[in-house]
Amino acid sequence: MDYKKKLMQPFYDFPEYNDLIKDNLWPVEVKYYDQSIIEFHLPKSDIIEAMYSIEQRLEDESNEPFKVGDRFIATENLNYISFEGRTYTFSKE
């Protein structure tokens, strides 16, 4: 493990209430190597589904894209994805 790496900043995720769908939307942060951070918000149910999907892919050591809400996140060059107080990190391929 490379201990000289910079420590990741804490990710504070608080829901935003959305009047259109009458639900709280939680922040999601996706970061690919050499690209800017992608931020969007999802309902809690989509976040839970995404966590299961990511954990299953990590367990199976699969490089297939995983679904987060209505988006598919490719694992190639994915640095990290953060939501619900969790950060999943990926190694550069």
Protein backbone atom coordinates (compact mmCIF):
# COMPACT_ATOMS: atom_id res chain seq x y z
CA MET A 1 0.00 0.00 0.00
CA ASP A 2 1.27 3.45 -0.87
CA TYR A 3 1.22 5.43 2.38
CA LYS A 4 2.55 8.53 0.63
CA LYS A 5 -0.79 9.03 -1.11
CA LYS A 6 -2.75 12.06 -0.03
CA LEU A 7 -5.58 11.38 2.36
CA MET A 8 -9.01 11.66 0.82
CA GLN A 9 -11.15 14.53 2.04
CA PRO A 10 -14.19 13.46 4.07
CA PHE A 11 -17.37 13.23 2.04
CA TYR A 12 -20.32 14.85 3.78
CA ASP A 13 -23.56 13.66 2.33
CA PHE A 14 -26.81 15.21 3.42
CA PRO A 15 -30.05 14.74 1.52
CA GLU A 16 -31.72 17.49 -0.45
CA TYR A 17 -35.50 17.51 -0.57
CA ASN A 18 -36.87 17.49 -4.11
CA ASP A 19 -40.37 18.98 -4.45
CA LEU A 20 -41.02 17.34 -7.84
CA ILE A 21 -40.66 13.77 -6.66
CA LYS A 22 -41.45 14.49 -2.99
CA ASP A 23 -38.37 12.63 -1.80
CA ASN A 24 -34.93 13.28 -0.36
CA LEU A 25 -32.11 13.04 -2.87
CA TRP A 26 -28.67 11.98 -1.67
CA PRO A 27 -25.44 13.23 -3.25
CA VAL A 28 -23.28 10.88 -5.33
CA GLU A 29 -19.73 11.76 -6.30
CA VAL A 30 -17.90 9.89 -9.09
CA LYS A 31 -14.24 10.57 -9.89
CA TYR A 32 -12.30 9.15 -12.80
CA TYR A 33 -8.51 9.53 -13.01
CA ASP A 34 -7.49 12.72 -14.86
CA GLN A 35 -11.08 14.01 -15.02
CA SER A 36 -13.19 16.35 -12.94
CA ILE A 37 -15.63 15.08 -10.33
CA ILE A 38 -19.12 14.14 -11.48
CA GLU A 39 -21.86 14.96 -8.95
CA PHE A 40 -25.52 14.03 -9.02
CA HIS A 41 -28.30 13.17 -6.56
CA LEU A 42 -30.41 10.02 -6.18
CA PRO A 43 -33.18 8.67 -3.96
CA LYS A 44 -32.11 6.42 -1.08
CA SER A 45 -33.53 3.29 -2.75
CA ASP A 46 -31.27 3.82 -5.81
CA ILE A 47 -28.26 4.33 -3.54
CA ILE A 48 -28.91 1.05 -1.70
CA GLU A 49 -29.32 -0.79 -5.00
CA ALA A 50 -26.04 0.73 -6.25
CA MET A 51 -24.18 -0.37 -3.10
CA TYR A 52 -25.26 -3.97 -3.62
CA SER A 53 -24.27 -3.76 -7.29
CA ILE A 54 -20.80 -2.37 -6.52
CA GLU A 55 -20.13 -4.84 -3.72
CA GLN A 56 -21.17 -7.74 -5.97
CA ARG A 57 -18.85 -6.53 -8.75
CA LEU A 58 -15.95 -6.16 -6.30
CA GLU A 59 -16.61 -9.63 -4.88
CA ASP A 60 -16.70 -11.18 -8.37
CA GLU A 61 -13.71 -9.06 -9.48
CA SER A 62 -15.79 -8.03 -12.47
CA ASN A 63 -14.88 -5.09 -14.70
CA GLU A 64 -18.42 -4.72 -16.00
CA PRO A 65 -20.11 -1.32 -15.56
CA PHE A 66 -22.48 -1.08 -12.62
CA LYS A 67 -25.78 0.76 -12.41
CA VAL A 68 -26.24 3.79 -10.18
CA GLY A 69 -29.77 5.09 -10.56
CA ASP A 70 -30.37 5.41 -14.30
CA ARG A 71 -26.63 5.72 -15.09
CA PHE A 72 -24.05 3.05 -15.82
CA ILE A 73 -20.63 3.68 -14.30
CA ALA A 74 -17.68 2.16 -16.14
CA THR A 75 -14.92 0.82 -13.89
CA GLU A 76 -12.14 1.59 -16.37
CA ASN A 77 -10.05 4.48 -14.96
CA LEU A 78 -12.52 4.91 -12.09
CA ASN A 79 -10.79 6.42 -9.06
CA TYR A 80 -13.66 6.39 -6.55
CA ILE A 81 -17.40 6.67 -6.03
CA SER A 82 -18.80 8.15 -2.80
CA PHE A 83 -22.28 8.10 -1.33
CA GLU A 84 -24.13 7.32 1.87
CA GLY A 85 -20.97 7.97 3.90
CA ARG A 86 -19.05 5.30 1.97
CA THR A 87 -16.26 5.63 -0.51
CA TYR A 88 -15.44 2.80 -2.87
CA THR A 89 -11.95 3.15 -4.35
CA PHE A 90 -10.72 1.45 -7.50
CA SER A 91 -7.20 0.89 -8.77
CA LYS A 92 -6.15 2.36 -12.08
CA GLU A 93 -6.11 -0.20 -14.89
